[in-house]
PDB file of N, CA and C in Angstrom:
ATOM      1  N   MET A   1      92.967 122.654 117.864  1.00  0.00           N
ATOM      2  CA  MET A   1      92.626 124.042 118.068  1.00  0.00           C
ATOM      3  C   MET A   1      92.252 124.668 116.729  1.00  0.00           C
ATOM      4  N   VAL A   2      91.116 125.295 116.650  1.00  0.00           N
ATOM      5  CA  VAL A   2      90.661 125.968 115.437  1.00  0.00           C
ATOM      6  C   VAL A   2      91.155 127.405 115.462  1.00  0.00           C
ATOM      7  N   THR A   3      91.799 127.812 114.392  1.00  0.00           N
ATOM      8  CA  THR A   3      92.232 129.197 114.266  1.00  0.00           C
ATOM      9  C   THR A   3      91.671 129.757 112.976  1.00  0.00           C
ATOM     10  N   GLY A   4      91.450 131.043 112.938  1.00  0.00           N
ATOM     11  CA  GLY A   4      91.085 131.690 111.697  1.00  0.00           C
ATOM     12  C   GLY A   4      89.607 131.760 111.434  1.00  0.00           C
ATOM     13  N   ARG A   5      89.213 131.147 110.346  1.00  0.00           N
ATOM     14  CA  ARG A   5      87.863 131.216 109.803  1.00  0.00           C
ATOM     15  C   ARG A   5      87.568 132.598 109.244  1.00  0.00           C
ATOM     16  N   ARG A   6      88.491 133.082 108.463  1.00  0.00           N
ATOM     17  CA  ARG A   6      88.311 134.351 107.776  1.00  0.00           C
ATOM     18  C   ARG A   6      88.177 134.058 106.289  1.00  0.00           C
ATOM     19  N   ALA A   7      87.621 135.012 105.570  1.00  0.00           N
ATOM     20  CA  ALA A   7      87.476 134.845 104.125  1.00  0.00           C
ATOM     21  C   ALA A   7      87.553 136.198 103.439  1.00  0.00           C
ATOM     22  N   ARG A   8      88.041 136.187 102.215  1.00  0.00           N
ATOM     23  CA  ARG A   8      88.127 137.379 101.372  1.00  0.00           C
ATOM     24  C   ARG A   8      87.877 136.962  99.940  1.00  0.00           C
ATOM     25  N   VAL A   9      87.291 137.837  99.161  1.00  0.00           N
ATOM     26  CA  VAL A   9      87.107 137.614  97.728  1.00  0.00           C
ATOM     27  C   VAL A   9      87.674 138.829  97.001  1.00  0.00           C
ATOM     28  N   LEU A  10      88.509 138.555  96.015  1.00  0.00           N
ATOM     29  CA  LEU A  10      89.110 139.591  95.180  1.00  0.00           C
ATOM     30  C   LEU A  10      88.665 139.349  93.744  1.00  0.00           C
ATOM     31  N   ALA A  11      88.381 140.393  92.999  1.00  0.00           N
ATOM     32  CA  ALA A  11      87.918 140.239  91.616  1.00  0.00           C
ATOM     33  C   ALA A  11      88.838 141.001  90.665  1.00  0.00           C
ATOM     34  N   PHE A  12      89.030 140.401  89.491  1.00  0.00           N
ATOM     35  CA  PHE A  12      89.943 140.972  88.500  1.00  0.00           C
ATOM     36  C   PHE A  12      89.383 140.774  87.102  1.00  0.00           C
ATOM     37  N   ARG A  13      89.753 141.668  86.230  1.00  0.00           N
ATOM     38  CA  ARG A  13      89.502 141.484  84.804  1.00  0.00           C
ATOM     39  C   ARG A  13      90.446 140.373  84.356  1.00  0.00           C
ATOM     40  N   ALA A  14      89.969 139.470  83.536  1.00  0.00           N
ATOM     41  CA  ALA A  14      90.783 138.333  83.071  1.00  0.00           C
ATOM     42  C   ALA A  14      91.708 138.795  81.951  1.00  0.00           C
ATOM     43  N   ASP A  15      92.845 139.376  82.352  1.00  0.00           N
ATOM     44  CA  ASP A  15      93.824 139.810  81.370  1.00  0.00           C
ATOM     45  C   ASP A  15      95.210 139.342  81.789  1.00  0.00           C
ATOM     46  N   ARG A  16      96.219 139.668  81.020  1.00  0.00           N
ATOM     47  CA  ARG A  16      97.559 139.147  81.286  1.00  0.00           C
ATOM     48  C   ARG A  16      98.165 139.675  82.579  1.00  0.00           C
ATOM     49  N   TRP A  17      97.618 140.748  83.133  1.00  0.00           N
ATOM     50  CA  TRP A  17      98.130 141.310  84.374  1.00  0.00           C
ATOM     51  C   TRP A  17      97.445 140.719  85.607  1.00  0.00           C
ATOM     52  N   ALA A  18      96.355 140.013  85.415  1.00  0.00           N
ATOM     53  CA  ALA A  18      95.579 139.496  86.546  1.00  0.00           C
ATOM     54  C   ALA A  18      96.392 138.613  87.500  1.00  0.00           C
ATOM     55  N   PRO A  19      97.218 137.667  87.007  1.00  0.00           N
ATOM     56  CA  PRO A  19      97.955 136.823  87.958  1.00  0.00           C
ATOM     57  C   PRO A  19      98.862 137.613  88.901  1.00  0.00           C
ATOM     58  N   ARG A  20      99.561 138.584  88.368  1.00  0.00           N
ATOM     59  CA  ARG A  20     100.471 139.380  89.201  1.00  0.00           C
ATOM     60  C   ARG A  20      99.694 140.251  90.189  1.00  0.00           C
ATOM     61  N   LYS A  21      98.623 140.904  89.692  1.00  0.00           N
ATOM     62  CA  LYS A  21      97.789 141.726  90.573  1.00  0.00           C
ATOM     63  C   LYS A  21      97.181 140.881  91.678  1.00  0.00           C
ATOM     64  N   ALA A  22      96.675 139.710  91.304  1.00  0.00           N
ATOM     65  CA  ALA A  22      96.018 138.829  92.276  1.00  0.00           C
ATOM     66  C   ALA A  22      96.991 138.374  93.355  1.00  0.00           C
ATOM     67  N   ALA A  23      98.198 137.997  92.969  1.00  0.00           N
ATOM     68  CA  ALA A  23      99.185 137.539  93.950  1.00  0.00           C
ATOM     69  C   ALA A  23      99.489 138.653  94.953  1.00  0.00           C
ATOM     70  N   GLY A  24      99.707 139.859  94.461  1.00  0.00           N
ATOM     71  CA  GLY A  24     100.009 140.973  95.354  1.00  0.00           C
ATOM     72  C   GLY A  24      98.861 141.319  96.282  1.00  0.00           C
ATOM     73  N   GLN A  25      97.656 141.393  95.732  1.00  0.00           N
ATOM     74  CA  GLN A  25      96.496 141.737  96.555  1.00  0.00           C
ATOM     75  C   GLN A  25      96.145 140.620  97.533  1.00  0.00           C
ATOM     76  N   ALA A  26      96.342 139.366  97.126  1.00  0.00           N
ATOM     77  CA  ALA A  26      96.072 138.244  98.023  1.00  0.00           C
ATOM     78  C   ALA A  26      97.045 138.258  99.203  1.00  0.00           C
ATOM     79  N   ALA A  27      98.307 138.566  98.928  1.00  0.00           N
ATOM     80  CA  ALA A  27      99.296 138.645 100.012  1.00  0.00           C
ATOM     81  C   ALA A  27      98.906 139.730 101.014  1.00  0.00           C
ATOM     82  N   LEU A  28      98.457 140.863 100.519  1.00  0.00           N
ATOM     83  CA  LEU A  28      98.013 141.932 101.412  1.00  0.00           C
ATOM     84  C   LEU A  28      96.766 141.518 102.196  1.00  0.00           C
ATOM     85  N   ALA A  29      95.885 140.763 101.564  1.00  0.00           N
ATOM     86  CA  ALA A  29      94.644 140.343 102.216  1.00  0.00           C
ATOM     87  C   ALA A  29      94.892 139.371 103.367  1.00  0.00           C
ATOM     88  N   VAL A  30      95.865 138.477 103.214  1.00  0.00           N
ATOM     89  CA  VAL A  30      96.097 137.479 104.267  1.00  0.00           C
ATOM     90  C   VAL A  30      97.109 137.944 105.308  1.00  0.00           C
ATOM     91  N   ALA A  31      97.823 139.029 105.056  1.00  0.00           N
ATOM     92  CA  ALA A  31      98.833 139.516 106.006  1.00  0.00           C
ATOM     93  C   ALA A  31      98.269 139.715 107.418  1.00  0.00           C
ATOM     94  N   PRO A  32      97.077 140.298 107.579  1.00  0.00           N
ATOM     95  CA  PRO A  32      96.536 140.492 108.931  1.00  0.00           C
ATOM     96  C   PRO A  32      96.091 139.186 109.609  1.00  0.00           C
ATOM     97  N   TRP A  33      96.102 138.082 108.898  1.00  0.00           N
ATOM     98  CA  TRP A  33      95.662 136.820 109.471  1.00  0.00           C
ATOM     99  C   TRP A  33      96.697 136.226 110.424  1.00  0.00           C
ATOM    100  N   ASP A  34      97.842 136.847 110.517  1.00  0.00           N
ATOM    101  CA  ASP A  34      98.880 136.493 111.489  1.00  0.00           C
ATOM    102  C   ASP A  34      99.374 135.050 111.368  1.00  0.00           C
ATOM    103  N   TYR A  35      99.959 134.769 110.217  1.00  0.00           N
ATOM    104  CA  TYR A  35     100.648 133.495 110.004  1.00  0.00           C
ATOM    105  C   TYR A  35     102.112 133.809 109.706  1.00  0.00           C
ATOM    106  N   PRO A  36     102.921 134.036 110.732  1.00  0.00           N
ATOM    107  CA  PRO A  36     104.309 134.436 110.508  1.00  0.00           C
ATOM    108  C   PRO A  36     105.157 133.371 109.809  1.00  0.00           C
ATOM    109  N   ARG A  37     104.735 132.110 109.855  1.00  0.00           N
ATOM    110  CA  ARG A  37     105.516 131.054 109.201  1.00  0.00           C
ATOM    111  C   ARG A  37     104.989 130.696 107.815  1.00  0.00           C
ATOM    112  N   LEU A  38     103.987 131.417 107.331  1.00  0.00           N
ATOM    113  CA  LEU A  38     103.486 131.178 105.974  1.00  0.00           C
ATOM    114  C   LEU A  38     104.626 131.366 104.978  1.00  0.00           C
ATOM    115  N   ASP A  39     104.817 130.411 104.103  1.00  0.00           N
ATOM    116  CA  ASP A  39     105.849 130.512 103.075  1.00  0.00           C
ATOM    117  C   ASP A  39     105.327 131.456 101.991  1.00  0.00           C
ATOM    118  N   GLU A  40     105.797 132.695 102.044  1.00  0.00           N
ATOM    119  CA  GLU A  40     105.298 133.725 101.131  1.00  0.00           C
ATOM    120  C   GLU A  40     105.564 133.366  99.672  1.00  0.00           C
ATOM    121  N   HIS A  41     106.711 132.788  99.393  1.00  0.00           N
ATOM    122  CA  HIS A  41     107.036 132.381  98.024  1.00  0.00           C
ATOM    123  C   HIS A  41     106.001 131.376  97.511  1.00  0.00           C
ATOM    124  N   ASP A  42     105.716 130.336  98.306  1.00  0.00           N
ATOM    125  CA  ASP A  42     104.733 129.341  97.896  1.00  0.00           C
ATOM    126  C   ASP A  42     103.358 129.976  97.714  1.00  0.00           C
ATOM    127  N   PHE A  43     102.968 130.847  98.647  1.00  0.00           N
ATOM    128  CA  PHE A  43     101.658 131.482  98.565  1.00  0.00           C
ATOM    129  C   PHE A  43     101.534 132.315  97.291  1.00  0.00           C
ATOM    130  N   LEU A  44     102.524 133.167  97.030  1.00  0.00           N
ATOM    131  CA  LEU A  44     102.487 134.007  95.831  1.00  0.00           C
ATOM    132  C   LEU A  44     102.480 133.169  94.563  1.00  0.00           C
ATOM    133  N   LYS A  45     103.302 132.123  94.524  1.00  0.00           N
ATOM    134  CA  LYS A  45     103.380 131.253  93.348  1.00  0.00           C
ATOM    135  C   LYS A  45     102.065 130.503  93.143  1.00  0.00           C
ATOM    136  N   ALA A  46     101.436 130.071  94.237  1.00  0.00           N
ATOM    137  CA  ALA A  46     100.151 129.362  94.127  1.00  0.00           C
ATOM    138  C   ALA A  46      99.069 130.281  93.562  1.00  0.00           C
ATOM    139  N   VAL A  47      98.946 131.478  94.124  1.00  0.00           N
ATOM    140  CA  VAL A  47      97.931 132.421  93.632  1.00  0.00           C
ATOM    141  C   VAL A  47      98.197 132.750  92.167  1.00  0.00           C
ATOM    142  N   HIS A  48      99.426 133.078  91.849  1.00  0.00           N
ATOM    143  CA  HIS A  48      99.783 133.433  90.474  1.00  0.00           C
ATOM    144  C   HIS A  48      99.440 132.289  89.518  1.00  0.00           C
ATOM    145  N   GLY A  49      99.843 131.085  89.852  1.00  0.00           N
ATOM    146  CA  GLY A  49      99.610 129.928  88.970  1.00  0.00           C
ATOM    147  C   GLY A  49      98.142 129.598  88.790  1.00  0.00           C
ATOM    148  N   LEU A  50      97.370 129.668  89.874  1.00  0.00           N
ATOM    149  CA  LEU A  50      95.940 129.361  89.773  1.00  0.00           C
ATOM    150  C   LEU A  50      95.210 130.419  88.953  1.00  0.00           C
ATOM    151  N   VAL A  51      95.551 131.681  89.162  1.00  0.00           N
ATOM    152  CA  VAL A  51      94.903 132.758  88.401  1.00  0.00           C
ATOM    153  C   VAL A  51      95.324 132.697  86.935  1.00  0.00           C
ATOM    154  N   GLU A  52      96.566 132.371  86.685  1.00  0.00           N
ATOM    155  CA  GLU A  52      97.027 132.224  85.299  1.00  0.00           C
ATOM    156  C   GLU A  52      96.219 131.146  84.577  1.00  0.00           C
ATOM    157  N   ALA A  53      95.943 130.030  85.257  1.00  0.00           N
ATOM    158  CA  ALA A  53      95.125 128.970  84.661  1.00  0.00           C
ATOM    159  C   ALA A  53      93.703 129.459  84.412  1.00  0.00           C
ATOM    160  N   ALA A  54      93.156 130.232  85.346  1.00  0.00           N
ATOM    161  CA  ALA A  54      91.797 130.755  85.196  1.00  0.00           C
ATOM    162  C   ALA A  54      91.702 131.733  84.027  1.00  0.00           C
ATOM    163  N   VAL A  55      92.693 132.586  83.872  1.00  0.00           N
ATOM    164  CA  VAL A  55      92.705 133.532  82.752  1.00  0.00           C
ATOM    165  C   VAL A  55      92.788 132.774  81.427  1.00  0.00           C
ATOM    166  N   ALA A  56      93.631 131.748  81.377  1.00  0.00           N
ATOM    167  CA  ALA A  56      93.804 130.971  80.142  1.00  0.00           C
ATOM    168  C   ALA A  56      92.533 130.236  79.733  1.00  0.00           C
ATOM    169  N   ALA A  57      91.647 129.971  80.670  1.00  0.00           N
ATOM    170  CA  ALA A  57      90.412 129.237  80.370  1.00  0.00           C
ATOM    171  C   ALA A  57      89.382 130.089  79.649  1.00  0.00           C
ATOM    172  N   GLY A  58      89.577 131.376  79.620  1.00  0.00           N
ATOM    173  CA  GLY A  58      88.611 132.250  78.956  1.00  0.00           C
ATOM    174  C   GLY A  58      87.680 132.890  79.963  1.00  0.00           C
ATOM    175  N   GLY A  59      86.808 133.712  79.477  1.00  0.00           N
ATOM    176  CA  GLY A  59      85.920 134.456  80.354  1.00  0.00           C
ATOM    177  C   GLY A  59      86.434 135.875  80.502  1.00  0.00           C
ATOM    178  N   LYS A  60      85.612 136.705  81.096  1.00  0.00           N
ATOM    179  CA  LYS A  60      85.971 138.113  81.229  1.00  0.00           C
ATOM    180  C   LYS A  60      86.452 138.484  82.618  1.00  0.00           C
ATOM    181  N   ARG A  61      86.077 137.671  83.623  1.00  0.00           N
ATOM    182  CA  ARG A  61      86.446 137.984  84.997  1.00  0.00           C
ATOM    183  C   ARG A  61      87.042 136.767  85.689  1.00  0.00           C
ATOM    184  N   VAL A  62      87.887 137.056  86.660  1.00  0.00           N
ATOM    185  CA  VAL A  62      88.463 136.020  87.517  1.00  0.00           C
ATOM    186  C   VAL A  62      88.292 136.505  88.949  1.00  0.00           C
ATOM    187  N   SER A  63      87.848 135.614  89.824  1.00  0.00           N
ATOM    188  CA  SER A  63      87.813 135.977  91.235  1.00  0.00           C
ATOM    189  C   SER A  63      88.721 135.032  92.006  1.00  0.00           C
ATOM    190  N   VAL A  64      89.307 135.579  93.068  1.00  0.00           N
ATOM    191  CA  VAL A  64      90.175 134.806  93.946  1.00  0.00           C
ATOM    192  C   VAL A  64      89.509 134.782  95.304  1.00  0.00           C
ATOM    193  N   HIS A  65      89.250 133.585  95.796  1.00  0.00           N
ATOM    194  CA  HIS A  65      88.601 133.391  97.084  1.00  0.00           C
ATOM    195  C   HIS A  65      89.652 132.868  98.054  1.00  0.00           C
ATOM    196  N   LEU A  66      89.773 133.530  99.189  1.00  0.00           N
ATOM    197  CA  LEU A  66      90.757 133.161 100.200  1.00  0.00           C
ATOM    198  C   LEU A  66      90.022 132.863 101.497  1.00  0.00           C
ATOM    199  N   ALA A  67      90.418 131.801 102.162  1.00  0.00           N
ATOM    200  CA  ALA A  67      89.821 131.461 103.453  1.00  0.00           C
ATOM    201  C   ALA A  67      90.859 130.725 104.281  1.00  0.00           C
ATOM    202  N   ASP A  68      90.690 130.775 105.595  1.00  0.00           N
ATOM    203  CA  ASP A  68      91.614 130.046 106.456  1.00  0.00           C
ATOM    204  C   ASP A  68      90.866 129.353 107.582  1.00  0.00           C
ATOM    205  N   GLN A  69      91.459 128.286 108.024  1.00  0.00           N
ATOM    206  CA  GLN A  69      90.975 127.555 109.189  1.00  0.00           C
ATOM    207  C   GLN A  69      92.033 126.528 109.562  1.00  0.00           C
ATOM    208  N   ASP A  70      92.237 126.357 110.853  1.00  0.00           N
ATOM    209  CA  ASP A  70      93.180 125.361 111.360  1.00  0.00           C
ATOM    210  C   ASP A  70      94.560 125.478 110.717  1.00  0.00           C
ATOM    211  N   ALA A  71      95.053 126.695 110.599  1.00  0.00           N
ATOM    212  CA  ALA A  71      96.391 126.979 110.058  1.00  0.00           C
ATOM    213  C   ALA A  71      96.567 126.498 108.619  1.00  0.00           C
ATOM    214  N   LYS A  72      95.492 126.499 107.868  1.00  0.00           N
ATOM    215  CA  LYS A  72      95.513 126.198 106.430  1.00  0.00           C
ATOM    216  C   LYS A  72      94.870 127.374 105.716  1.00  0.00           C
ATOM    217  N   ILE A  73      95.392 127.699 104.544  1.00  0.00           N
ATOM    218  CA  ILE A  73      94.807 128.758 103.726  1.00  0.00           C
ATOM    219  C   ILE A  73      94.350 128.155 102.406  1.00  0.00           C
ATOM    220  N   LEU A  74      93.088 128.364 102.097  1.00  0.00           N
ATOM    221  CA  LEU A  74      92.520 127.919 100.834  1.00  0.00           C
ATOM    222  C   LEU A  74      92.590 129.072  99.847  1.00  0.00           C
ATOM    223  N   VAL A  75      93.130 128.779  98.670  1.00  0.00           N
ATOM    224  CA  VAL A  75      93.159 129.738  97.563  1.00  0.00           C
ATOM    225  C   VAL A  75      92.362 129.108  96.431  1.00  0.00           C
ATOM    226  N   LEU A  76      91.334 129.805  95.966  1.00  0.00           N
ATOM    227  CA  LEU A  76      90.512 129.307  94.867  1.00  0.00           C
ATOM    228  C   LEU A  76      90.426 130.395  93.815  1.00  0.00           C
ATOM    229  N   ALA A  77      90.772 130.065  92.582  1.00  0.00           N
ATOM    230  CA  ALA A  77      90.668 131.003  91.460  1.00  0.00           C
ATOM    231  C   ALA A  77      89.543 130.519  90.551  1.00  0.00           C
ATOM    232  N   LEU A  78      88.577 131.385  90.325  1.00  0.00           N
ATOM    233  CA  LEU A  78      87.394 131.023  89.544  1.00  0.00           C
ATOM    234  C   LEU A  78      87.337 131.860  88.277  1.00  0.00           C
ATOM    235  N   SER A  79      87.249 131.180  87.133  1.00  0.00           N
ATOM    236  CA  SER A  79      87.074 131.841  85.846  1.00  0.00           C
ATOM    237  C   SER A  79      85.581 131.981  85.611  1.00  0.00           C
ATOM    238  N   HIS A  80      85.074 133.200  85.790  1.00  0.00           N
ATOM    239  CA  HIS A  80      83.641 133.449  85.591  1.00  0.00           C
ATOM    240  C   HIS A  80      83.370 133.509  84.099  1.00  0.00           C
ATOM    241  N   ARG A  81      82.341 132.812  83.694  1.00  0.00           N
ATOM    242  CA  ARG A  81      82.071 132.696  82.270  1.00  0.00           C
ATOM    243  C   ARG A  81      80.608 133.010  81.980  1.00  0.00           C
ATOM    244  N   THR A  82      80.399 133.548  80.809  1.00  0.00           N
ATOM    245  CA  THR A  82      79.045 133.699  80.303  1.00  0.00           C
ATOM    246  C   THR A  82      78.961 132.816  79.073  1.00  0.00           C
ATOM    247  N   ASP A  83      77.772 132.554  78.599  1.00  0.00           N
ATOM    248  CA  ASP A  83      77.635 131.718  77.404  1.00  0.00           C
ATOM    249  C   ASP A  83      78.509 132.266  76.280  1.00  0.00           C
ATOM    250  N   GLY A  84      79.286 131.386  75.692  1.00  0.00           N
ATOM    251  CA  GLY A  84      80.151 131.781  74.593  1.00  0.00           C
ATOM    252  C   GLY A  84      81.564 132.131  75.010  1.00  0.00           C
ATOM    253  N   ASP A  85      81.825 132.268  76.312  1.00  0.00           N
ATOM    254  CA  ASP A  85      83.182 132.560  76.781  1.00  0.00           C
ATOM    255  C   ASP A  85      83.977 131.256  76.846  1.00  0.00           C
ATOM    256  N   GLY A  86      85.083 131.197  76.160  1.00  0.00           N
ATOM    257  CA  GLY A  86      85.985 130.042  76.267  1.00  0.00           C
ATOM    258  C   GLY A  86      85.363 128.757  75.789  1.00  0.00           C
ATOM    259  N   ASP A  87      85.942 127.616  76.244  1.00  0.00           N
ATOM    260  CA  ASP A  87      85.509 126.310  75.759  1.00  0.00           C
ATOM    261  C   ASP A  87      84.680 125.524  76.765  1.00  0.00           C
ATOM    262  N   GLY A  88      84.331 126.110  77.924  1.00  0.00           N
ATOM    263  CA  GLY A  88      83.479 125.438  78.890  1.00  0.00           C
ATOM    264  C   GLY A  88      84.225 124.691  79.966  1.00  0.00           C
ATOM    265  N   GLY A  89      85.530 124.634  79.913  1.00  0.00           N
ATOM    266  CA  GLY A  89      86.272 123.914  80.941  1.00  0.00           C
ATOM    267  C   GLY A  89      87.650 124.487  81.104  1.00  0.00           C
ATOM    268  N   GLY A  90      88.417 123.824  81.889  1.00  0.00           N
ATOM    269  CA  GLY A  90      89.778 124.268  82.125  1.00  0.00           C
ATOM    270  C   GLY A  90      90.671 123.061  82.305  1.00  0.00           C
ATOM    271  N   GLY A  91      91.942 123.308  82.354  1.00  0.00           N
ATOM    272  CA  GLY A  91      92.889 122.236  82.509  1.00  0.00           C
ATOM    273  C   GLY A  91      93.116 121.884  83.969  1.00  0.00           C
ATOM    274  N   PRO A  92      94.084 121.037  84.200  1.00  0.00           N
ATOM    275  CA  PRO A  92      94.401 120.631  85.570  1.00  0.00           C
ATOM    276  C   PRO A  92      95.109 121.752  86.327  1.00  0.00           C
ATOM    277  N   VAL A  93      95.302 121.537  87.616  1.00  0.00           N
ATOM    278  CA  VAL A  93      96.083 122.480  88.413  1.00  0.00           C
ATOM    279  C   VAL A  93      97.493 122.514  87.835  1.00  0.00           C
ATOM    280  N   PRO A  94      98.059 123.689  87.641  1.00  0.00           N
ATOM    281  CA  PRO A  94      99.416 123.767  87.097  1.00  0.00           C
ATOM    282  C   PRO A  94     100.401 122.975  87.962  1.00  0.00           C
ATOM    283  N   THR A  95     101.295 122.255  87.311  1.00  0.00           N
ATOM    284  CA  THR A  95     102.271 121.424  88.011  1.00  0.00           C
ATOM    285  C   THR A  95     103.086 122.222  89.001  1.00  0.00           C
ATOM    286  N   GLU A  96     103.472 123.449  88.635  1.00  0.00           N
ATOM    287  CA  GLU A  96     104.295 124.247  89.542  1.00  0.00           C
ATOM    288  C   GLU A  96     103.556 124.598  90.828  1.00  0.00           C
ATOM    289  N   VAL A  97     102.229 124.581  90.816  1.00  0.00           N
ATOM    290  CA  VAL A  97     101.448 124.803  92.035  1.00  0.00           C
ATOM    291  C   VAL A  97     101.351 123.496  92.823  1.00  0.00           C
ATOM    292  N   ALA A  98     101.015 122.420  92.149  1.00  0.00           N
ATOM    293  CA  ALA A  98     100.840 121.127  92.816  1.00  0.00           C
ATOM    294  C   ALA A  98     102.105 120.663  93.531  1.00  0.00           C
ATOM    295  N   LEU A  99     103.278 121.058  93.027  1.00  0.00           N
ATOM    296  CA  LEU A  99     104.542 120.598  93.599  1.00  0.00           C
ATOM    297  C   LEU A  99     105.115 121.511  94.681  1.00  0.00           C
ATOM    298  N   LEU A 100     104.435 122.593  95.005  1.00  0.00           N
ATOM    299  CA  LEU A 100     104.938 123.486  96.047  1.00  0.00           C
ATOM    300  C   LEU A 100     104.969 122.760  97.392  1.00  0.00           C
ATOM    301  N   ARG A 101     105.998 123.008  98.172  1.00  0.00           N
ATOM    302  CA  ARG A 101     106.223 122.306  99.437  1.00  0.00           C
ATOM    303  C   ARG A 101     105.052 122.440 100.403  1.00  0.00           C
ATOM    304  N   THR A 102     104.419 123.617 100.478  1.00  0.00           N
ATOM    305  CA  THR A 102     103.368 123.818 101.471  1.00  0.00           C
ATOM    306  C   THR A 102     101.953 123.555 100.943  1.00  0.00           C
ATOM    307  N   VAL A 103     101.829 123.110  99.693  1.00  0.00           N
ATOM    308  CA  VAL A 103     100.510 122.754  99.158  1.00  0.00           C
ATOM    309  C   VAL A 103     100.204 121.326  99.587  1.00  0.00           C
ATOM    310  N   GLY A 104      99.179 121.197 100.425  1.00  0.00           N
ATOM    311  CA  GLY A 104      98.796 119.884 100.931  1.00  0.00           C
ATOM    312  C   GLY A 104      97.796 119.177 100.035  1.00  0.00           C
ATOM    313  N   ALA A 105      96.991 119.949  99.311  1.00  0.00           N
ATOM    314  CA  ALA A 105      95.992 119.389  98.412  1.00  0.00           C
ATOM    315  C   ALA A 105      95.657 120.443  97.369  1.00  0.00           C
ATOM    316  N   CYS A 106      95.210 119.986  96.206  1.00  0.00           N
ATOM    317  CA  CYS A 106      94.796 120.912  95.156  1.00  0.00           C
ATOM    318  C   CYS A 106      93.864 120.175  94.202  1.00  0.00           C
ATOM    319  N   GLY A 107      93.150 120.927  93.401  1.00  0.00           N
ATOM    320  CA  GLY A 107      92.240 120.295  92.457  1.00  0.00           C
ATOM    321  C   GLY A 107      91.504 121.322  91.611  1.00  0.00           C
ATOM    322  N   THR A 108      90.533 120.831  90.854  1.00  0.00           N
ATOM    323  CA  THR A 108      89.725 121.681  89.985  1.00  0.00           C
ATOM    324  C   THR A 108      88.280 121.211  90.063  1.00  0.00           C
ATOM    325  N   HIS A 109      87.388 122.082  89.709  1.00  0.00           N
ATOM    326  CA  HIS A 109      85.983 121.689  89.541  1.00  0.00           C
ATOM    327  C   HIS A 109      85.281 122.700  88.637  1.00  0.00           C
ATOM    328  N   THR A 110      84.196 122.262  88.033  1.00  0.00           N
ATOM    329  CA  THR A 110      83.391 123.111  87.164  1.00  0.00           C
ATOM    330  C   THR A 110      81.963 123.098  87.684  1.00  0.00           C
ATOM    331  N   ASP A 111      81.357 124.264  87.731  1.00  0.00           N
ATOM    332  CA  ASP A 111      79.949 124.354  88.092  1.00  0.00           C
ATOM    333  C   ASP A 111      79.296 125.462  87.276  1.00  0.00           C
ATOM    334  N   HIS A 112      78.107 125.890  87.671  1.00  0.00           N
ATOM    335  CA  HIS A 112      77.365 126.890  86.889  1.00  0.00           C
ATOM    336  C   HIS A 112      78.067 128.244  86.822  1.00  0.00           C
ATOM    337  N   ASP A 113      78.979 128.526  87.772  1.00  0.00           N
ATOM    338  CA  ASP A 113      79.690 129.802  87.762  1.00  0.00           C
ATOM    339  C   ASP A 113      80.894 129.809  86.831  1.00  0.00           C
ATOM    340  N   GLY A 114      81.430 128.639  86.542  1.00  0.00           N
ATOM    341  CA  GLY A 114      82.617 128.558  85.709  1.00  0.00           C
ATOM    342  C   GLY A 114      83.527 127.443  86.182  1.00  0.00           C
ATOM    343  N   HIS A 115      84.796 127.556  85.859  1.00  0.00           N
ATOM    344  CA  HIS A 115      85.774 126.544  86.229  1.00  0.00           C
ATOM    345  C   HIS A 115      86.676 127.111  87.318  1.00  0.00           C
ATOM    346  N   ALA A 116      86.984 126.297  88.330  1.00  0.00           N
ATOM    347  CA  ALA A 116      87.788 126.762  89.455  1.00  0.00           C
ATOM    348  C   ALA A 116      89.004 125.868  89.662  1.00  0.00           C
ATOM    349  N   TRP A 117      90.087 126.503  90.089  1.00  0.00           N
ATOM    350  CA  TRP A 117      91.318 125.821  90.475  1.00  0.00           C
ATOM    351  C   TRP A 117      91.560 126.186  91.929  1.00  0.00           C
ATOM    352  N   TRP A 118      91.938 125.216  92.758  1.00  0.00           N
ATOM    353  CA  TRP A 118      92.135 125.511  94.166  1.00  0.00           C
ATOM    354  C   TRP A 118      93.371 124.809  94.717  1.00  0.00           C
ATOM    355  N   ALA A 119      93.890 125.383  95.783  1.00  0.00           N
ATOM    356  CA  ALA A 119      95.026 124.794  96.502  1.00  0.00           C
ATOM    357  C   ALA A 119      94.855 125.102  97.979  1.00  0.00           C
ATOM    358  N   LEU A 120      95.226 124.148  98.811  1.00  0.00           N
ATOM    359  CA  LEU A 120      95.188 124.294 100.255  1.00  0.00           C
ATOM    360  C   LEU A 120      96.630 124.322 100.748  1.00  0.00           C
ATOM    361  N   LEU A 121      97.030 125.455 101.323  1.00  0.00           N
ATOM    362  CA  LEU A 121      98.414 125.640 101.776  1.00  0.00           C
ATOM    363  C   LEU A 121      98.507 125.564 103.290  1.00  0.00           C
ATOM    364  N   ASP A 122      99.573 124.958 103.764  1.00  0.00           N
ATOM    365  CA  ASP A 122      99.865 124.902 105.193  1.00  0.00           C
ATOM    366  C   ASP A 122     100.441 126.257 105.584  1.00  0.00           C
ATOM    367  N   ALA A 123      99.739 126.981 106.449  1.00  0.00           N
ATOM    368  CA  ALA A 123     100.180 128.316 106.847  1.00  0.00           C
ATOM    369  C   ALA A 123     101.205 128.284 107.977  1.00  0.00           C
ATOM    370  N   GLU A 124     101.390 127.122 108.582  1.00  0.00           N
ATOM    371  CA  GLU A 124     102.383 126.959 109.651  1.00  0.00           C
ATOM    372  C   GLU A 124     103.197 125.697 109.385  1.00  0.00           C
ATOM    373  N   PRO A 125     103.939 125.693 108.274  1.00  0.00           N
ATOM    374  CA  PRO A 125     104.692 124.488 107.904  1.00  0.00           C
ATOM    375  C   PRO A 125     105.819 124.187 108.890  1.00  0.00           C
ATOM    376  N   GLN A 126     106.144 122.922 108.986  1.00  0.00           N
ATOM    377  CA  GLN A 126     107.280 122.511 109.803  1.00  0.00           C
ATOM    378  C   GLN A 126     108.555 122.863 109.064  1.00  0.00           C
ATOM    379  N   PRO A 127     109.613 123.238 109.790  1.00  0.00           N
ATOM    380  CA  PRO A 127     110.880 123.587 109.121  1.00  0.00           C
ATOM    381  C   PRO A 127     111.492 122.390 108.401  1.00  0.00           C
TER     382      PRO A 127
END
C-alpha cells in the first residue's frame, strides 16, 4: 500500500542556529502527514545532524528537503554553494544519524548544487 507522497522544502542561512531551527520546522512540516508512530527523537536528531554537517561544509545557505512514501520519510540536507564557498565537498553522514534505530538507509552525494546528506527513516517502526 502506498501512503503519502508529500514533499516540503525548507531553507535556512548556514549559521550555527540552522540545525536547531531546521529540526523544529521539519517536525512541524511533517506533523500533518499523520505518522503517529514516527520516532520524534530520531527524526529531530536526524534533521539536526544532517543540517549540522551541511553547515560545516561551508556555503551560505542550507535547504532541507522532506518527502514521504510507503511509511518512510526522506530527509535531505543540501549545502548550497557558490564558487569559492567551502572546499567543494563534505564528510560522511554523521555517525549519530547513521546509528539511529529508525534510519534504514543514509548517504551523501555531490552535484552541481552542492553537497547533500540524506537519511531515510521508518515512519511506522515496529515496537
